[in-house]
Amino acid sequence: MKIFVFTLLSDFGLPRIADTKPAEIGMPKGDYLWCSCGLSAKDPICDKAHKGTGLTPYFFEVTNDVENLKLCMCKHTKTPPFCDGSHNRFLNEKL
């Protein structure tokens, strides 16, 4: 039996916690890449700042225009790209 462990942590101490609350944004129908490293200037959308970090963005599709989508900004969600409340464990940390 093979066991695979998935982690978003890289050799560079990433991901960087971009915020301790989700990004609540409207998104038109389309394909997107969610930033998993926390380095994107367009966070929560990937701008390829992850190059060389060992992390990769997460592809997701918005099938209908959405007014209020909660995307993870702490980068520790178990349901990428969506916020699952994981940021609550980082509320007392300085960013």
N, C-alpha and C. Protein backbone atom coordinates (compact mmCIF):
# COMPACT_ATOMS: atom_id res chain seq x y z
N MET A 1 0.84 -1.17 0.00
CA MET A 1 0.00 0.00 0.00
C MET A 1 0.89 1.24 0.00
N LYS A 2 0.54 2.21 -0.86
CA LYS A 2 1.26 3.47 -0.90
C LYS A 2 0.42 4.53 -0.19
N ILE A 3 1.08 5.34 0.59
CA ILE A 3 0.41 6.44 1.28
C ILE A 3 1.02 7.73 0.77
N PHE A 4 0.18 8.61 0.30
CA PHE A 4 0.64 9.90 -0.20
C PHE A 4 0.23 10.99 0.78
N VAL A 5 1.17 11.81 1.14
CA VAL A 5 0.89 12.93 2.04
C VAL A 5 0.94 14.20 1.22
N PHE A 6 -0.15 14.93 1.19
CA PHE A 6 -0.22 16.18 0.45
C PHE A 6 0.08 17.34 1.39
N THR A 7 0.99 18.17 1.00
CA THR A 7 1.30 19.35 1.80
C THR A 7 1.49 20.54 0.90
N LEU A 8 1.11 21.70 1.37
CA LEU A 8 1.33 22.93 0.62
C LEU A 8 2.62 23.62 1.04
N LEU A 9 3.32 23.06 2.02
CA LEU A 9 4.57 23.67 2.47
C LEU A 9 5.69 23.32 1.51
N SER A 10 6.53 24.27 1.21
CA SER A 10 7.66 24.04 0.32
C SER A 10 8.96 24.13 1.11
N ASP A 11 10.06 24.00 0.42
CA ASP A 11 11.37 24.13 1.05
C ASP A 11 11.66 25.56 1.46
N PHE A 12 10.84 26.51 1.06
CA PHE A 12 11.07 27.92 1.35
C PHE A 12 10.24 28.44 2.52
N GLY A 13 9.61 27.54 3.28
CA GLY A 13 8.78 27.98 4.40
C GLY A 13 7.45 28.55 3.95
N LEU A 14 7.06 28.22 2.75
CA LEU A 14 5.80 28.72 2.22
C LEU A 14 4.73 27.67 2.45
N PRO A 15 3.49 27.96 2.41
CA PRO A 15 2.95 29.19 1.85
C PRO A 15 2.97 30.34 2.84
N ARG A 16 3.00 31.53 2.29
CA ARG A 16 2.92 32.74 3.11
C ARG A 16 1.44 33.00 3.38
N ILE A 17 1.13 33.28 4.62
CA ILE A 17 -0.25 33.61 4.98
C ILE A 17 -0.52 35.02 4.50
N ALA A 18 -1.35 35.15 3.48
CA ALA A 18 -1.63 36.45 2.89
C ALA A 18 -2.61 37.25 3.74
N ASP A 19 -3.51 36.56 4.45
CA ASP A 19 -4.49 37.23 5.30
C ASP A 19 -5.12 36.19 6.22
N THR A 20 -5.70 36.64 7.31
CA THR A 20 -6.36 35.73 8.25
C THR A 20 -7.88 35.79 8.12
N LYS A 21 -8.32 36.15 6.95
CA LYS A 21 -9.74 36.09 6.61
C LYS A 21 -9.83 35.82 5.11
N PRO A 22 -10.94 35.24 4.66
CA PRO A 22 -11.05 34.93 3.23
C PRO A 22 -11.23 36.19 2.39
N ALA A 23 -10.88 36.07 1.12
CA ALA A 23 -11.20 37.12 0.15
C ALA A 23 -12.63 36.86 -0.30
N GLU A 24 -13.48 37.83 -0.10
CA GLU A 24 -14.88 37.70 -0.53
C GLU A 24 -15.05 38.53 -1.78
N ILE A 25 -15.09 37.84 -2.92
CA ILE A 25 -15.09 38.54 -4.20
C ILE A 25 -16.14 37.97 -5.15
N GLY A 26 -16.58 38.82 -6.06
CA GLY A 26 -17.44 38.39 -7.14
C GLY A 26 -16.56 37.92 -8.29
N MET A 27 -16.98 36.86 -8.95
CA MET A 27 -16.19 36.33 -10.06
C MET A 27 -17.10 35.97 -11.21
N PRO A 28 -16.75 36.43 -12.41
CA PRO A 28 -17.52 36.01 -13.57
C PRO A 28 -17.19 34.57 -13.95
N LYS A 29 -18.08 33.98 -14.69
CA LYS A 29 -17.87 32.62 -15.19
C LYS A 29 -16.51 32.56 -15.89
N GLY A 30 -15.74 31.49 -15.60
CA GLY A 30 -14.44 31.34 -16.24
C GLY A 30 -13.54 30.38 -15.51
N ASP A 31 -12.34 30.21 -16.04
CA ASP A 31 -11.32 29.36 -15.44
C ASP A 31 -10.30 30.22 -14.71
N TYR A 32 -9.87 29.76 -13.54
CA TYR A 32 -8.97 30.54 -12.70
C TYR A 32 -7.89 29.65 -12.09
N LEU A 33 -6.81 30.28 -11.67
CA LEU A 33 -5.76 29.62 -10.91
C LEU A 33 -5.68 30.30 -9.56
N TRP A 34 -5.94 29.54 -8.49
CA TRP A 34 -5.86 30.06 -7.12
C TRP A 34 -4.41 30.01 -6.67
N CYS A 35 -3.94 31.09 -6.11
CA CYS A 35 -2.57 31.17 -5.60
C CYS A 35 -2.44 30.32 -4.35
N SER A 36 -1.53 29.35 -4.37
CA SER A 36 -1.31 28.48 -3.21
C SER A 36 -0.08 28.88 -2.41
N CYS A 37 0.71 29.84 -2.93
CA CYS A 37 1.96 30.20 -2.24
C CYS A 37 1.83 31.45 -1.37
N GLY A 38 0.87 32.31 -1.66
CA GLY A 38 0.69 33.54 -0.90
C GLY A 38 1.58 34.68 -1.36
N LEU A 39 2.28 34.52 -2.48
CA LEU A 39 3.20 35.55 -2.97
C LEU A 39 2.62 36.40 -4.09
N SER A 40 1.47 36.02 -4.61
CA SER A 40 0.89 36.70 -5.76
C SER A 40 0.49 38.14 -5.43
N ALA A 41 0.82 39.04 -6.33
CA ALA A 41 0.38 40.44 -6.19
C ALA A 41 -1.12 40.55 -6.49
N LYS A 42 -1.69 39.52 -7.11
CA LYS A 42 -3.12 39.50 -7.44
C LYS A 42 -3.87 38.52 -6.54
N ASP A 43 -3.30 38.17 -5.41
CA ASP A 43 -3.88 37.18 -4.50
C ASP A 43 -5.35 37.49 -4.25
N PRO A 44 -6.23 36.52 -4.35
CA PRO A 44 -6.05 35.08 -4.32
C PRO A 44 -5.84 34.43 -5.69
N ILE A 45 -5.72 35.22 -6.75
CA ILE A 45 -5.50 34.68 -8.09
C ILE A 45 -3.99 34.63 -8.36
N CYS A 46 -3.55 33.54 -8.96
CA CYS A 46 -2.13 33.31 -9.23
C CYS A 46 -1.59 34.29 -10.27
N ASP A 47 -0.41 34.84 -10.02
CA ASP A 47 0.30 35.66 -11.02
C ASP A 47 1.65 35.04 -11.37
N LYS A 48 1.83 33.78 -11.03
CA LYS A 48 3.04 32.99 -11.29
C LYS A 48 4.23 33.37 -10.41
N ALA A 49 3.97 34.03 -9.29
CA ALA A 49 5.03 34.39 -8.35
C ALA A 49 5.60 33.15 -7.65
N HIS A 50 4.93 32.01 -7.78
CA HIS A 50 5.36 30.77 -7.15
C HIS A 50 6.56 30.14 -7.84
N LYS A 51 6.95 30.63 -8.99
CA LYS A 51 8.04 30.02 -9.77
C LYS A 51 9.26 29.79 -8.88
N GLY A 52 9.74 28.56 -8.87
CA GLY A 52 10.92 28.21 -8.11
C GLY A 52 10.67 27.86 -6.65
N THR A 53 9.41 27.92 -6.20
CA THR A 53 9.11 27.64 -4.79
C THR A 53 8.76 26.18 -4.54
N GLY A 54 8.44 25.45 -5.59
CA GLY A 54 7.98 24.08 -5.42
C GLY A 54 6.48 23.97 -5.23
N LEU A 55 5.79 25.09 -5.20
CA LEU A 55 4.34 25.11 -5.07
C LEU A 55 3.71 25.34 -6.44
N THR A 56 2.49 24.89 -6.60
CA THR A 56 1.77 25.11 -7.85
C THR A 56 0.40 25.67 -7.54
N PRO A 57 -0.16 26.45 -8.47
CA PRO A 57 -1.50 26.99 -8.26
C PRO A 57 -2.55 25.90 -8.40
N TYR A 58 -3.74 26.20 -7.94
CA TYR A 58 -4.86 25.26 -7.98
C TYR A 58 -5.87 25.75 -9.02
N PHE A 59 -6.12 24.95 -10.04
CA PHE A 59 -7.08 25.31 -11.08
C PHE A 59 -8.51 25.13 -10.55
N PHE A 60 -9.36 26.12 -10.83
CA PHE A 60 -10.78 25.95 -10.53
C PHE A 60 -11.61 26.68 -11.58
N GLU A 61 -12.83 26.20 -11.72
CA GLU A 61 -13.75 26.73 -12.71
C GLU A 61 -14.96 27.33 -12.02
N VAL A 62 -15.33 28.52 -12.43
CA VAL A 62 -16.58 29.14 -11.97
C VAL A 62 -17.57 28.95 -13.11
N THR A 63 -18.59 28.15 -12.88
CA THR A 63 -19.51 27.78 -13.95
C THR A 63 -20.61 28.80 -14.20
N ASN A 64 -20.88 29.65 -13.21
CA ASN A 64 -21.85 30.75 -13.35
C ASN A 64 -21.27 31.98 -12.68
N ASP A 65 -21.68 33.15 -13.09
CA ASP A 65 -21.25 34.37 -12.41
C ASP A 65 -21.64 34.27 -10.94
N VAL A 66 -20.69 34.61 -10.06
CA VAL A 66 -20.92 34.50 -8.61
C VAL A 66 -20.66 35.87 -7.99
N GLU A 67 -21.57 36.30 -7.11
CA GLU A 67 -21.43 37.61 -6.47
C GLU A 67 -20.51 37.60 -5.27
N ASN A 68 -20.51 36.52 -4.49
CA ASN A 68 -19.74 36.51 -3.25
C ASN A 68 -19.11 35.14 -3.04
N LEU A 69 -17.89 34.98 -3.50
CA LEU A 69 -17.16 33.73 -3.36
C LEU A 69 -16.09 33.94 -2.29
N LYS A 70 -15.98 33.02 -1.35
CA LYS A 70 -14.99 33.13 -0.27
C LYS A 70 -13.78 32.26 -0.61
N LEU A 71 -12.70 32.91 -1.03
CA LEU A 71 -11.48 32.19 -1.38
C LEU A 71 -10.46 32.30 -0.26
N CYS A 72 -9.78 31.20 0.01
CA CYS A 72 -8.82 31.13 1.10
C CYS A 72 -7.64 32.07 0.87
N MET A 73 -7.26 32.79 1.91
CA MET A 73 -6.09 33.67 1.86
C MET A 73 -4.98 33.20 2.80
N CYS A 74 -5.30 32.28 3.73
CA CYS A 74 -4.26 31.79 4.64
C CYS A 74 -3.45 30.67 3.99
N LYS A 75 -3.98 30.10 2.91
CA LYS A 75 -3.32 29.06 2.12
C LYS A 75 -3.22 27.72 2.82
N HIS A 76 -3.96 27.52 3.88
CA HIS A 76 -3.94 26.27 4.63
C HIS A 76 -5.28 25.53 4.59
N THR A 77 -6.18 25.95 3.72
CA THR A 77 -7.48 25.31 3.59
C THR A 77 -7.33 23.85 3.16
N LYS A 78 -8.24 23.03 3.61
CA LYS A 78 -8.30 21.64 3.18
C LYS A 78 -9.22 21.49 1.97
N THR A 79 -9.86 22.60 1.55
CA THR A 79 -10.80 22.60 0.42
C THR A 79 -10.44 23.68 -0.60
N PRO A 80 -9.21 23.66 -1.13
CA PRO A 80 -8.80 24.73 -2.04
C PRO A 80 -9.70 24.80 -3.27
N PRO A 81 -10.01 25.99 -3.71
CA PRO A 81 -9.52 27.29 -3.28
C PRO A 81 -10.39 27.96 -2.23
N PHE A 82 -11.38 27.22 -1.74
CA PHE A 82 -12.38 27.83 -0.86
C PHE A 82 -11.96 27.85 0.60
N CYS A 83 -12.39 28.89 1.30
CA CYS A 83 -12.11 29.02 2.72
C CYS A 83 -12.86 27.95 3.50
N ASP A 84 -12.17 27.30 4.42
CA ASP A 84 -12.81 26.31 5.29
C ASP A 84 -12.66 26.68 6.77
N GLY A 85 -12.20 27.92 7.03
CA GLY A 85 -12.04 28.37 8.41
C GLY A 85 -10.68 28.08 9.00
N SER A 86 -9.77 27.48 8.22
CA SER A 86 -8.43 27.16 8.74
C SER A 86 -7.69 28.40 9.24
N HIS A 87 -8.05 29.56 8.72
CA HIS A 87 -7.38 30.81 9.11
C HIS A 87 -7.56 31.12 10.59
N ASN A 88 -8.57 30.55 11.21
CA ASN A 88 -8.83 30.86 12.63
C ASN A 88 -7.65 30.49 13.53
N ARG A 89 -6.86 29.51 13.14
CA ARG A 89 -5.70 29.14 13.97
C ARG A 89 -4.54 30.12 13.83
N PHE A 90 -4.64 31.06 12.89
CA PHE A 90 -3.57 32.04 12.67
C PHE A 90 -3.97 33.46 13.10
N LEU A 91 -5.12 33.62 13.73
CA LEU A 91 -5.63 34.96 14.05
C LEU A 91 -4.68 35.78 14.92
N ASN A 92 -3.90 35.16 15.77
CA ASN A 92 -3.01 35.90 16.67
C ASN A 92 -1.60 36.07 16.12
N GLU A 93 -1.36 35.63 14.88
CA GLU A 93 -0.03 35.75 14.30
C GLU A 93 0.11 37.06 13.55
N LYS A 94 1.31 37.62 13.58
CA LYS A 94 1.60 38.83 12.81
C LYS A 94 1.91 38.42 11.38
N LEU A 95 1.35 39.13 10.44
CA LEU A 95 1.59 38.83 9.03
C LEU A 95 2.67 39.73 8.47
